[in-house]
Amino acid sequence: MENQNQPPVQEIKIADNLAGGEYANAMQVAHTKDEVLLTFFNIISPSGRVCAKIITSPGHLKRMIAALNENLKRYEEKFGLVEASESPKESIGFKV
């Protein structure tokens, strides 16, 4: 849906360090009333690293979840049922 208050996007640029993408196998979610923070990790035991942090609004998060659900549905129709991965056995987070 197009926002009536903003002109349409003419061009989208990508930073050189993002062009190749990042692999994430873990995610942490935190939120306030106005924002949702998604932190993506690449965990290779015994350590890991943060590979991306996304801050968005609850409304945009809801649209992202709908888009992800629709794409997962199409993927499963084409390739078969996807089983959820197991949760990590250890706690993921920063140690102080």
N, C-alpha and C. Protein backbone atom coordinates (compact mmCIF):
# COMPACT_ATOMS: atom_id res chain seq x y z
N MET A 1 0.83 -1.17 0.00
CA MET A 1 0.00 0.00 0.00
C MET A 1 0.89 1.24 0.00
N GLU A 2 0.60 2.16 -0.87
CA GLU A 2 1.39 3.36 -1.00
C GLU A 2 0.98 4.40 0.02
N ASN A 3 1.96 5.05 0.63
CA ASN A 3 1.69 6.11 1.59
C ASN A 3 1.40 7.39 0.82
N GLN A 4 0.25 8.00 1.05
CA GLN A 4 -0.16 9.19 0.32
C GLN A 4 0.71 10.41 0.64
N ASN A 5 1.39 10.41 1.80
CA ASN A 5 2.17 11.57 2.22
C ASN A 5 3.61 11.54 1.72
N GLN A 6 4.05 10.46 1.13
CA GLN A 6 5.43 10.36 0.68
C GLN A 6 5.48 10.06 -0.82
N PRO A 7 6.46 10.65 -1.51
CA PRO A 7 6.60 10.33 -2.93
C PRO A 7 7.07 8.88 -3.10
N PRO A 8 6.78 8.26 -4.24
CA PRO A 8 7.23 6.87 -4.44
C PRO A 8 8.76 6.80 -4.47
N VAL A 9 9.30 5.66 -4.03
CA VAL A 9 10.75 5.45 -4.02
C VAL A 9 11.23 5.30 -5.45
N GLN A 10 12.25 6.07 -5.80
CA GLN A 10 12.81 6.03 -7.15
C GLN A 10 13.97 5.06 -7.27
N GLU A 11 14.75 4.95 -6.18
CA GLU A 11 15.95 4.13 -6.22
C GLU A 11 16.27 3.64 -4.82
N ILE A 12 16.69 2.39 -4.71
CA ILE A 12 17.13 1.83 -3.43
C ILE A 12 18.59 1.45 -3.58
N LYS A 13 19.43 1.95 -2.70
CA LYS A 13 20.86 1.66 -2.72
C LYS A 13 21.18 0.69 -1.60
N ILE A 14 22.25 -0.07 -1.77
CA ILE A 14 22.72 -0.99 -0.73
C ILE A 14 24.18 -0.72 -0.44
N ALA A 15 24.52 -0.65 0.82
CA ALA A 15 25.91 -0.42 1.22
C ALA A 15 26.78 -1.59 0.80
N ASP A 16 28.02 -1.31 0.45
CA ASP A 16 28.94 -2.35 -0.01
C ASP A 16 29.08 -3.49 0.99
N ASN A 17 29.08 -3.16 2.29
CA ASN A 17 29.28 -4.21 3.30
C ASN A 17 28.03 -5.07 3.48
N LEU A 18 26.90 -4.69 2.89
CA LEU A 18 25.67 -5.49 3.00
C LEU A 18 25.35 -6.28 1.74
N ALA A 19 26.03 -5.99 0.66
CA ALA A 19 25.69 -6.57 -0.64
C ALA A 19 25.71 -8.09 -0.65
N GLY A 20 26.62 -8.71 0.10
CA GLY A 20 26.73 -10.16 0.10
C GLY A 20 25.79 -10.86 1.05
N GLY A 21 25.16 -10.12 1.95
CA GLY A 21 24.25 -10.72 2.92
C GLY A 21 25.01 -11.31 4.10
N GLU A 22 24.27 -11.67 5.12
CA GLU A 22 24.82 -12.27 6.33
C GLU A 22 24.00 -13.49 6.70
N TYR A 23 24.64 -14.52 7.19
CA TYR A 23 23.94 -15.72 7.67
C TYR A 23 23.67 -15.56 9.15
N ALA A 24 22.42 -15.75 9.55
CA ALA A 24 22.05 -15.70 10.96
C ALA A 24 21.36 -17.00 11.33
N ASN A 25 21.74 -17.58 12.46
CA ASN A 25 21.09 -18.80 12.92
C ASN A 25 20.47 -18.63 14.30
N ALA A 26 20.40 -17.37 14.78
CA ALA A 26 19.74 -17.08 16.05
C ALA A 26 19.25 -15.64 16.00
N MET A 27 18.22 -15.37 16.81
CA MET A 27 17.65 -14.02 16.85
C MET A 27 17.15 -13.75 18.25
N GLN A 28 17.28 -12.51 18.67
CA GLN A 28 16.77 -12.07 19.96
C GLN A 28 15.81 -10.90 19.68
N VAL A 29 14.70 -10.84 20.40
CA VAL A 29 13.70 -9.80 20.19
C VAL A 29 13.48 -9.05 21.50
N ALA A 30 13.46 -7.73 21.41
CA ALA A 30 13.13 -6.88 22.55
C ALA A 30 12.20 -5.78 22.04
N HIS A 31 11.44 -5.17 22.94
CA HIS A 31 10.53 -4.13 22.47
C HIS A 31 10.23 -3.11 23.55
N THR A 32 9.83 -1.94 23.09
CA THR A 32 9.23 -0.91 23.93
C THR A 32 7.84 -0.68 23.35
N LYS A 33 7.12 0.26 23.88
CA LYS A 33 5.78 0.55 23.34
C LYS A 33 5.85 0.98 21.87
N ASP A 34 6.91 1.69 21.49
CA ASP A 34 6.99 2.29 20.16
C ASP A 34 7.92 1.59 19.19
N GLU A 35 8.80 0.71 19.67
CA GLU A 35 9.80 0.10 18.80
C GLU A 35 10.00 -1.38 19.12
N VAL A 36 10.41 -2.10 18.09
CA VAL A 36 10.78 -3.51 18.24
C VAL A 36 12.23 -3.62 17.75
N LEU A 37 13.08 -4.26 18.55
CA LEU A 37 14.49 -4.45 18.19
C LEU A 37 14.72 -5.93 17.91
N LEU A 38 15.17 -6.23 16.71
CA LEU A 38 15.52 -7.59 16.30
C LEU A 38 17.04 -7.64 16.18
N THR A 39 17.67 -8.51 16.95
CA THR A 39 19.13 -8.67 16.89
C THR A 39 19.40 -10.07 16.35
N PHE A 40 20.13 -10.13 15.24
CA PHE A 40 20.45 -11.40 14.59
C PHE A 40 21.89 -11.79 14.90
N PHE A 41 22.10 -13.08 15.17
CA PHE A 41 23.41 -13.60 15.54
C PHE A 41 23.83 -14.70 14.58
N ASN A 42 25.13 -14.86 14.44
CA ASN A 42 25.73 -16.01 13.79
C ASN A 42 26.48 -16.73 14.90
N ILE A 43 25.93 -17.83 15.40
CA ILE A 43 26.49 -18.57 16.53
C ILE A 43 27.22 -19.80 16.01
N ILE A 44 28.50 -19.85 16.31
CA ILE A 44 29.30 -21.06 16.04
C ILE A 44 29.98 -21.36 17.36
N SER A 45 29.51 -22.40 18.04
CA SER A 45 29.97 -22.71 19.38
C SER A 45 31.49 -22.77 19.42
N PRO A 46 32.12 -22.23 20.40
CA PRO A 46 31.61 -21.69 21.66
C PRO A 46 31.36 -20.18 21.63
N SER A 47 31.38 -19.55 20.47
CA SER A 47 31.19 -18.10 20.43
C SER A 47 30.25 -17.73 19.29
N GLY A 48 30.02 -16.45 19.15
CA GLY A 48 29.17 -15.97 18.08
C GLY A 48 29.38 -14.49 17.90
N ARG A 49 28.65 -13.92 16.95
CA ARG A 49 28.75 -12.49 16.74
C ARG A 49 27.41 -11.95 16.28
N VAL A 50 27.16 -10.69 16.60
CA VAL A 50 25.96 -10.01 16.10
C VAL A 50 26.22 -9.69 14.64
N CYS A 51 25.31 -10.09 13.77
CA CYS A 51 25.51 -9.79 12.35
C CYS A 51 24.53 -8.76 11.83
N ALA A 52 23.48 -8.43 12.60
CA ALA A 52 22.56 -7.36 12.18
C ALA A 52 21.66 -6.97 13.33
N LYS A 53 21.27 -5.71 13.34
CA LYS A 53 20.29 -5.21 14.31
C LYS A 53 19.28 -4.39 13.51
N ILE A 54 18.01 -4.68 13.70
CA ILE A 54 16.94 -3.98 13.01
C ILE A 54 16.03 -3.37 14.06
N ILE A 55 15.76 -2.09 13.95
CA ILE A 55 14.80 -1.42 14.83
C ILE A 55 13.64 -0.98 13.94
N THR A 56 12.43 -1.37 14.32
CA THR A 56 11.26 -1.04 13.51
C THR A 56 10.07 -0.75 14.41
N SER A 57 8.97 -0.35 13.82
CA SER A 57 7.77 -0.08 14.59
C SER A 57 6.94 -1.36 14.70
N PRO A 58 6.07 -1.45 15.71
CA PRO A 58 5.20 -2.62 15.82
C PRO A 58 4.34 -2.83 14.56
N GLY A 59 3.87 -1.76 13.96
CA GLY A 59 3.07 -1.89 12.74
C GLY A 59 3.85 -2.46 11.57
N HIS A 60 5.09 -2.01 11.40
CA HIS A 60 5.93 -2.56 10.33
C HIS A 60 6.28 -4.02 10.63
N LEU A 61 6.51 -4.34 11.90
CA LEU A 61 6.80 -5.73 12.28
C LEU A 61 5.63 -6.64 11.89
N LYS A 62 4.43 -6.17 12.13
CA LYS A 62 3.25 -6.97 11.79
C LYS A 62 3.18 -7.23 10.29
N ARG A 63 3.51 -6.22 9.48
CA ARG A 63 3.54 -6.39 8.02
C ARG A 63 4.64 -7.36 7.61
N MET A 64 5.81 -7.29 8.29
CA MET A 64 6.91 -8.22 7.98
C MET A 64 6.51 -9.65 8.29
N ILE A 65 5.85 -9.85 9.44
CA ILE A 65 5.42 -11.20 9.83
C ILE A 65 4.44 -11.75 8.81
N ALA A 66 3.51 -10.92 8.34
CA ALA A 66 2.54 -11.36 7.33
C ALA A 66 3.27 -11.76 6.04
N ALA A 67 4.26 -10.95 5.63
CA ALA A 67 5.02 -11.27 4.42
C ALA A 67 5.82 -12.56 4.59
N LEU A 68 6.44 -12.74 5.76
CA LEU A 68 7.19 -13.98 6.02
C LEU A 68 6.27 -15.19 6.03
N ASN A 69 5.09 -15.08 6.65
CA ASN A 69 4.14 -16.19 6.67
C ASN A 69 3.69 -16.55 5.26
N GLU A 70 3.41 -15.55 4.44
CA GLU A 70 2.98 -15.80 3.05
C GLU A 70 4.09 -16.49 2.26
N ASN A 71 5.32 -16.03 2.43
CA ASN A 71 6.43 -16.64 1.71
C ASN A 71 6.72 -18.05 2.20
N LEU A 72 6.60 -18.30 3.50
CA LEU A 72 6.79 -19.65 4.02
C LEU A 72 5.71 -20.59 3.46
N LYS A 73 4.49 -20.11 3.39
CA LYS A 73 3.39 -20.90 2.82
C LYS A 73 3.70 -21.29 1.37
N ARG A 74 4.15 -20.32 0.57
CA ARG A 74 4.50 -20.60 -0.83
C ARG A 74 5.68 -21.58 -0.92
N TYR A 75 6.67 -21.39 -0.05
CA TYR A 75 7.84 -22.28 -0.04
C TYR A 75 7.41 -23.71 0.24
N GLU A 76 6.55 -23.89 1.29
CA GLU A 76 6.10 -25.24 1.65
C GLU A 76 5.23 -25.86 0.57
N GLU A 77 4.46 -25.06 -0.14
CA GLU A 77 3.66 -25.59 -1.25
C GLU A 77 4.57 -26.13 -2.35
N LYS A 78 5.70 -25.48 -2.55
CA LYS A 78 6.62 -25.89 -3.61
C LYS A 78 7.59 -26.99 -3.19
N PHE A 79 8.11 -26.91 -1.94
CA PHE A 79 9.18 -27.80 -1.52
C PHE A 79 8.82 -28.75 -0.39
N GLY A 80 7.66 -28.60 0.22
CA GLY A 80 7.27 -29.48 1.31
C GLY A 80 7.38 -28.80 2.67
N LEU A 81 6.81 -29.46 3.67
CA LEU A 81 6.73 -28.92 5.02
C LEU A 81 8.10 -28.65 5.62
N VAL A 82 8.24 -27.51 6.27
CA VAL A 82 9.47 -27.13 6.96
C VAL A 82 9.28 -27.37 8.45
N GLU A 83 10.18 -28.12 9.05
CA GLU A 83 10.15 -28.35 10.49
C GLU A 83 10.94 -27.25 11.18
N ALA A 84 10.44 -26.74 12.30
CA ALA A 84 11.15 -25.72 13.06
C ALA A 84 12.44 -26.29 13.63
N SER A 85 13.50 -25.50 13.62
CA SER A 85 14.77 -25.91 14.23
C SER A 85 14.62 -25.91 15.74
N GLU A 86 15.46 -26.71 16.39
CA GLU A 86 15.45 -26.74 17.86
C GLU A 86 15.96 -25.42 18.41
N SER A 87 15.45 -25.04 19.56
CA SER A 87 15.97 -23.86 20.26
C SER A 87 17.35 -24.18 20.79
N PRO A 88 18.20 -23.16 20.91
CA PRO A 88 19.54 -23.41 21.47
C PRO A 88 19.44 -23.97 22.88
N LYS A 89 20.32 -24.89 23.22
CA LYS A 89 20.33 -25.49 24.54
C LYS A 89 20.88 -24.53 25.59
N GLU A 90 21.78 -23.63 25.12
CA GLU A 90 22.39 -22.66 26.03
C GLU A 90 21.75 -21.31 25.84
N SER A 91 21.87 -20.48 26.85
CA SER A 91 21.39 -19.11 26.78
C SER A 91 22.25 -18.33 25.79
N ILE A 92 21.58 -17.50 24.98
CA ILE A 92 22.29 -16.64 24.04
C ILE A 92 22.19 -15.23 24.55
N GLY A 93 23.28 -14.54 24.59
CA GLY A 93 23.26 -13.16 25.04
C GLY A 93 24.65 -12.69 25.42
N PHE A 94 24.70 -11.45 25.82
CA PHE A 94 25.99 -10.88 26.22
C PHE A 94 26.25 -11.19 27.68
N LYS A 95 27.46 -11.60 27.96
CA LYS A 95 27.84 -11.88 29.34
C LYS A 95 28.62 -10.69 29.86
N VAL A 96 28.30 -10.28 31.08
CA VAL A 96 29.00 -9.14 31.69
C VAL A 96 30.02 -9.60 32.69
